[in-house]
Structures are given as structure tokens and as C-alpha cells.
Amino acid sequence: MQLLINPVGRPVGDPGSLEALAEVYAYPEQVRDGRPWLRANMVSGLDGAARLDGLSEGLSSSADKRIFGVLRALADVVLVGAETVRAEGYRPARARAEFAAARRAAGQPPAPAIAIVTRSLHLDLTAPLFTEPLVRTVVITTSDSPAERRRAAAEVADVVVAGEGDVDLPAAVRELTGRGWTRQLTEGGPRLLGQVAAAGLLDELCLSLAPLVTVGDAPRIAAGPRLPGAQPMRLASLIEDEGFLFGRYLRAG
């Protein structure tokens, strides 16, 4: 790995090491004061495709997976859409021995919680995400979601009701923040990321750019109605590895 743009402003050692990556991707100090910071982590091909053969896996690399693991190891909670949970076969976040001491020092549990955004509650409640998590999974849904499914989900997860018709993401973020989970990460998919951006909640985008042209009909990393005004972002760090580029973009201003 090569660190092309360094946000730390001083040498950080081997940019491929977990310690250096944790320093490059460290959350801002505001999270210690109870103010949330919501970052997104997505992968894209050169032509904007967010998936290859229906999954993000085909666009990934060993370096992408390494950064993915670091971002999870730094987070309190991972916000993800139900469609992505189903398509990607989501499992609970695992504890990383390399980050255990740092998480204890920060008052974090051994691994981040997974918080699923869903209106339909069409979830496999027998999956490991609900039966084997280190931190109880959270299901965020609406007041008009199927009541029977809400009751079933409440037996294996914490159910948060936020909004009617559509999930009220600002309310959901407030709920997660109220639990002390200020280091927030979303892994999409594209529809959820579009909703996060539209709600003005996107503080940071970590984008892995794969050196691949796929064409096809795969969605972009964010999908949904056009924003009234484009959200400006600034490049904070850039890493290169075997043709892959890993950019960290912060909300401008």
C-alpha cells in the first residue's frame, strides 16, 4: 500500500499495517463528546458500478477487505439496509484481537452492533446475525410495519420504531447516538446511502475504487431522488494498492 495523501501530517509507518490504517481512518474527536459521526464505506468500479454479478464482492480486493475490517473495528454500530443483508448474507461483526485493547479503552464493546433498516421486516430471524451476535442486533423499522413481524423480531433483536411509511433516518441516528454509539458506519446498499445523503447525515465517504470496467445495469453507490443541491466533499486521504484507490472524503466545511 502507498499512502498518497496523508491526513495525519506526519509519517504513520507501514500504510498497510492495521495500526497505520486505524490512525488514517480515526474518527474525529467529536465522537468522544457524544456527537455522532456517520461515515459510509462503499466500493465501485471505474464506470460507477456498485456491484458485479449482483454482489459487491466481485469489486473487492485483499486491501479493500483489510480496510473494511479496520472501519468495522473502529465503529460502534454498522447501519445497513435489509436488501443488502439478504443479498450479501450478512453475519454478526466479529471481535478483532488487534483492536481489543483500544476498544476497551474507548468504552466500546468487543465488536460493533449491526443495525438493519427495514420497512417490511422481511428478515431471516434464524440467521447468525440474530442468533450469534456479540452485541444484540438492532432492527430499525416504521410504525406501520407488520405488527406480527415486529413482535417476532423483538424476540431476537432490539426493535427501534422510527417514522411512518419510511424509516426516519435522523430519528434512527438519534436513537443510536442515545445508546452511546457515536462512531457510526453505514455499508449501504446504494438505496440506504442515497437516503442517508438526502437526509443530510453523510459526514464521510470511504470509497474503494476498483480498476474494473463492468458496464451492465449495476446501481451506483448511492441511488434515489436527486438532491436539491450536490453535497460537496473534500479529499482527506488517498491510498493506492495494486491499482485500487481508497479515498476518504469528508463533508466540505
Protein backbone atom coordinates (compact mmCIF):
# COMPACT_ATOMS: atom_id res chain seq x y z
CA MET A 1 0.00 0.00 0.00
CA GLN A 2 1.08 3.58 -0.66
CA LEU A 3 -0.34 6.48 1.31
CA LEU A 4 -0.58 9.20 -1.35
CA ILE A 5 -2.39 11.81 0.75
CA ASN A 6 -1.74 11.69 4.48
CA PRO A 7 -4.36 13.26 6.79
CA VAL A 8 -2.18 12.85 9.87
CA GLY A 9 0.52 15.18 8.52
CA ARG A 10 3.39 13.02 9.74
CA PRO A 11 4.76 9.54 8.99
CA VAL A 12 2.39 6.79 10.09
CA GLY A 13 4.58 3.76 9.41
CA ASP A 14 3.66 0.99 7.01
CA PRO A 15 0.35 2.17 5.48
CA GLY A 16 -0.69 -1.46 5.11
CA SER A 17 -0.45 -2.14 8.85
CA LEU A 18 -3.59 -2.22 10.96
CA GLU A 19 -2.13 0.41 13.30
CA ALA A 20 -1.43 2.86 10.47
CA LEU A 21 -4.83 2.30 8.86
CA ALA A 22 -6.55 2.86 12.22
CA GLU A 23 -4.71 6.17 12.52
CA VAL A 24 -5.58 7.26 8.97
CA TYR A 25 -9.25 6.37 9.45
CA ALA A 26 -9.62 7.53 13.05
CA TYR A 27 -12.96 9.13 13.94
CA PRO A 28 -12.87 12.85 14.81
CA GLU A 29 -12.65 13.92 18.41
CA GLN A 30 -16.33 14.98 18.49
CA VAL A 31 -17.41 11.37 19.00
CA ARG A 32 -15.86 11.49 22.49
CA ASP A 33 -18.18 14.39 23.32
CA GLY A 34 -21.33 12.49 22.39
CA ARG A 35 -21.70 13.96 18.89
CA PRO A 36 -22.18 11.34 16.17
CA TRP A 37 -20.11 10.97 13.02
CA LEU A 38 -21.65 8.90 10.23
CA ARG A 39 -19.27 7.52 7.62
CA ALA A 40 -20.11 5.33 4.65
CA ASN A 41 -17.90 2.63 3.18
CA MET A 42 -18.60 1.62 -0.40
CA VAL A 43 -16.80 0.06 -3.37
CA SER A 44 -17.21 1.00 -7.02
CA GLY A 45 -15.83 0.08 -10.42
CA LEU A 46 -14.34 2.71 -12.72
CA ASP A 47 -17.66 3.07 -14.52
CA GLY A 48 -19.59 3.64 -11.30
CA ALA A 49 -20.92 0.10 -10.79
CA ALA A 50 -21.53 -0.76 -7.14
CA ARG A 51 -21.90 -4.49 -7.83
CA LEU A 52 -20.50 -7.21 -10.08
CA ASP A 53 -22.76 -10.20 -10.72
CA GLY A 54 -25.16 -8.81 -8.15
CA LEU A 55 -22.66 -8.51 -5.29
CA SER A 56 -20.04 -6.02 -4.13
CA GLU A 57 -17.63 -8.92 -3.52
CA GLY A 58 -16.59 -9.04 -7.18
CA LEU A 59 -15.26 -5.47 -6.97
CA SER A 60 -13.27 -6.06 -3.79
CA SER A 61 -9.61 -6.90 -3.15
CA SER A 62 -7.46 -8.01 -0.24
CA ALA A 63 -6.63 -4.38 0.56
CA ASP A 64 -10.31 -3.43 0.37
CA LYS A 65 -11.18 -6.22 2.80
CA ARG A 66 -8.40 -5.06 5.13
CA ILE A 67 -9.74 -1.50 5.21
CA PHE A 68 -13.29 -2.85 5.55
CA GLY A 69 -12.16 -4.73 8.67
CA VAL A 70 -10.45 -1.67 10.14
CA LEU A 71 -13.51 0.52 9.60
CA ARG A 72 -15.68 -2.03 11.38
CA ALA A 73 -13.14 -2.38 14.19
CA LEU A 74 -13.32 1.39 14.79
CA ALA A 75 -17.12 1.64 14.70
CA ASP A 76 -19.74 1.39 17.45
CA VAL A 77 -22.53 0.45 15.07
CA VAL A 78 -22.90 -0.59 11.43
CA LEU A 79 -26.04 0.67 9.69
CA VAL A 80 -27.15 -1.47 6.74
CA GLY A 81 -30.22 -1.90 4.57
CA ALA A 82 -32.24 -5.12 4.70
CA GLU A 83 -31.77 -5.72 0.97
CA THR A 84 -28.00 -5.73 1.45
CA VAL A 85 -28.33 -8.03 4.47
CA ARG A 86 -30.22 -10.52 2.33
CA ALA A 87 -28.08 -10.24 -0.80
CA GLU A 88 -24.69 -10.29 0.93
CA GLY A 89 -25.56 -12.90 3.57
CA TYR A 90 -24.67 -10.63 6.47
CA ARG A 91 -23.22 -12.12 9.61
CA PRO A 92 -22.50 -10.51 13.00
CA ALA A 93 -19.44 -8.32 13.30
CA ARG A 94 -16.59 -10.24 14.91
CA ALA A 95 -14.18 -9.19 17.61
CA ARG A 96 -10.66 -8.38 16.42
CA ALA A 97 -7.89 -9.21 18.87
CA GLU A 98 -5.70 -6.46 17.39
CA PHE A 99 -8.27 -3.83 18.39
CA ALA A 100 -9.47 -5.30 21.69
CA ALA A 101 -7.39 -3.04 23.95
CA ALA A 102 -8.26 0.13 22.02
CA ARG A 103 -11.97 -0.70 22.10
CA ARG A 104 -11.86 -1.34 25.85
CA ALA A 105 -10.06 1.95 26.40
CA ALA A 106 -12.72 3.77 24.37
CA GLY A 107 -15.54 2.09 26.30
CA GLN A 108 -16.66 0.10 23.25
CA PRO A 109 -17.98 -3.47 23.25
CA PRO A 110 -15.78 -6.14 21.59
CA ALA A 111 -17.46 -5.63 18.19
CA PRO A 112 -19.90 -3.15 16.66
CA ALA A 113 -23.61 -3.78 16.65
CA ILE A 114 -25.37 -4.31 13.32
CA ALA A 115 -28.42 -2.08 12.82
CA ILE A 116 -30.73 -3.09 9.97
CA VAL A 117 -33.02 -0.57 8.28
CA THR A 118 -36.20 -2.26 7.04
CA ARG A 119 -39.81 -1.33 6.35
CA SER A 120 -41.08 -4.83 5.57
CA LEU A 121 -39.17 -6.71 8.30
CA HIS A 122 -38.57 -9.44 5.73
CA LEU A 123 -35.62 -10.94 7.61
CA ASP A 124 -34.38 -14.44 8.39
CA LEU A 125 -34.56 -14.32 12.18
CA THR A 126 -32.85 -17.72 12.46
CA ALA A 127 -29.68 -16.42 10.77
CA PRO A 128 -26.44 -15.97 12.78
CA LEU A 129 -26.97 -12.20 12.64
CA PHE A 130 -29.75 -12.76 15.20
CA THR A 131 -28.61 -15.94 16.95
CA GLU A 132 -24.86 -15.35 17.36
CA PRO A 133 -24.08 -11.61 17.69
CA LEU A 134 -21.59 -10.38 20.26
CA VAL A 135 -23.79 -7.28 20.56
CA ARG A 136 -27.54 -7.70 20.11
CA THR A 137 -28.63 -6.78 16.58
CA VAL A 138 -30.87 -3.73 16.16
CA VAL A 139 -33.79 -3.62 13.72
CA ILE A 140 -34.97 -0.14 12.71
CA THR A 141 -38.43 -0.06 11.18
CA THR A 142 -41.58 2.01 10.87
CA SER A 143 -44.71 2.31 12.99
CA ASP A 144 -46.81 0.82 10.19
CA SER A 145 -44.60 -2.20 9.56
CA PRO A 146 -46.30 -5.60 10.06
CA ALA A 147 -47.03 -5.87 13.80
CA GLU A 148 -46.58 -9.65 13.88
CA ARG A 149 -43.14 -9.37 12.31
CA ARG A 150 -42.19 -6.62 14.76
CA ARG A 151 -43.09 -8.89 17.67
CA ALA A 152 -41.10 -11.77 16.20
CA ALA A 153 -38.08 -9.53 15.58
CA ALA A 154 -38.25 -8.21 19.16
CA GLU A 155 -37.59 -11.71 20.47
CA VAL A 156 -34.11 -11.82 18.88
CA ALA A 157 -33.21 -8.16 18.36
CA ASP A 158 -33.75 -4.65 19.69
CA VAL A 159 -36.55 -3.12 17.61
CA VAL A 160 -36.48 0.64 17.07
CA VAL A 161 -39.55 2.33 15.55
CA ALA A 162 -38.60 5.48 13.66
CA GLY A 163 -41.04 7.07 11.26
CA GLU A 164 -44.16 6.01 9.41
CA GLY A 165 -44.18 4.79 5.81
CA ASP A 166 -40.43 5.32 5.52
CA VAL A 167 -37.76 4.97 8.17
CA ASP A 168 -36.94 8.37 9.68
CA LEU A 169 -33.15 8.18 9.46
CA PRO A 170 -32.42 11.30 11.56
CA ALA A 171 -34.57 9.79 14.33
CA ALA A 172 -32.77 6.46 13.92
CA VAL A 173 -29.38 8.16 14.20
CA ARG A 174 -30.54 9.95 17.36
CA GLU A 175 -31.60 6.62 18.84
CA LEU A 176 -28.23 5.03 18.07
CA THR A 177 -26.42 8.07 19.45
CA GLY A 178 -28.52 7.85 22.61
CA ARG A 179 -27.05 4.40 23.17
CA GLY A 180 -23.58 5.95 23.16
CA TRP A 181 -22.89 4.76 19.60
CA THR A 182 -21.38 7.90 18.13
CA ARG A 183 -18.89 6.14 15.83
CA GLN A 184 -21.35 5.24 13.11
CA LEU A 185 -20.68 3.37 9.86
CA THR A 186 -23.01 2.52 7.00
CA GLU A 187 -22.18 -0.10 4.39
CA GLY A 188 -25.21 0.68 2.23
CA GLY A 189 -26.51 -0.58 -0.02
CA PRO A 190 -26.99 2.14 -2.59
CA ARG A 191 -30.60 2.88 -1.63
CA LEU A 192 -29.75 3.39 2.04
CA LEU A 193 -26.71 5.52 1.21
CA GLY A 194 -28.90 7.68 -1.03
CA GLN A 195 -31.35 8.13 1.84
CA VAL A 196 -28.53 8.96 4.27
CA ALA A 197 -27.18 11.63 1.90
CA ALA A 198 -30.65 13.02 1.21
CA ALA A 199 -31.25 13.37 4.96
CA GLY A 200 -28.05 15.40 5.33
CA LEU A 201 -26.46 12.76 7.56
CA LEU A 202 -23.40 11.84 5.49
CA ASP A 203 -20.29 13.15 7.23
CA GLU A 204 -17.76 11.00 5.41
CA LEU A 205 -17.45 8.65 2.44
CA CYS A 206 -14.76 5.97 2.29
CA LEU A 207 -14.71 4.91 -1.36
CA SER A 208 -12.79 1.94 -2.73
CA LEU A 209 -12.30 2.39 -6.48
CA ALA A 210 -11.63 -0.87 -8.28
CA PRO A 211 -9.66 -0.77 -11.57
CA LEU A 212 -12.50 -2.53 -13.38
CA VAL A 213 -14.95 -1.58 -16.13
CA THR A 214 -18.05 -3.76 -15.90
CA VAL A 215 -20.80 -1.90 -17.87
CA GLY A 216 -24.15 -3.65 -17.25
CA ASP A 217 -27.02 -2.34 -15.17
CA ALA A 218 -25.49 -2.35 -11.68
CA PRO A 219 -26.56 0.60 -9.49
CA ARG A 220 -24.25 3.43 -8.48
CA ILE A 221 -23.07 3.50 -4.86
CA ALA A 222 -25.95 5.84 -3.99
CA ALA A 223 -29.42 5.59 -5.50
CA GLY A 224 -32.58 7.64 -5.06
CA PRO A 225 -34.10 11.01 -5.91
CA ARG A 226 -31.67 13.71 -6.97
CA LEU A 227 -30.54 16.00 -4.14
CA PRO A 228 -31.70 19.63 -4.36
CA GLY A 229 -28.03 20.60 -4.35
CA ALA A 230 -24.92 18.46 -4.71
CA GLN A 231 -23.14 17.83 -1.42
CA PRO A 232 -19.51 18.98 -1.69
CA MET A 233 -16.86 16.72 -0.19
CA ARG A 234 -13.12 17.16 0.27
CA LEU A 235 -10.46 14.51 -0.16
CA ALA A 236 -8.79 13.82 3.20
CA SER A 237 -6.66 10.76 2.43
CA LEU A 238 -5.79 8.55 -0.53
CA ILE A 239 -4.21 5.10 -0.56
CA GLU A 240 -3.17 3.08 -3.61
CA ASP A 241 -2.71 -0.67 -3.74
CA GLU A 242 -2.28 -2.70 -6.95
CA GLY A 243 -4.34 -0.24 -8.96
CA PHE A 244 -7.10 0.11 -6.36
CA LEU A 245 -7.63 3.58 -4.90
CA PHE A 246 -9.03 4.10 -1.42
CA GLY A 247 -10.23 7.65 -0.84
CA ARG A 248 -11.57 9.18 2.34
CA TYR A 249 -13.86 12.15 1.66
CA LEU A 250 -15.17 14.47 4.37
CA ARG A 251 -18.12 16.81 4.26
CA ALA A 252 -16.76 20.13 3.00
CA GLY A 253 -16.89 22.93 5.53
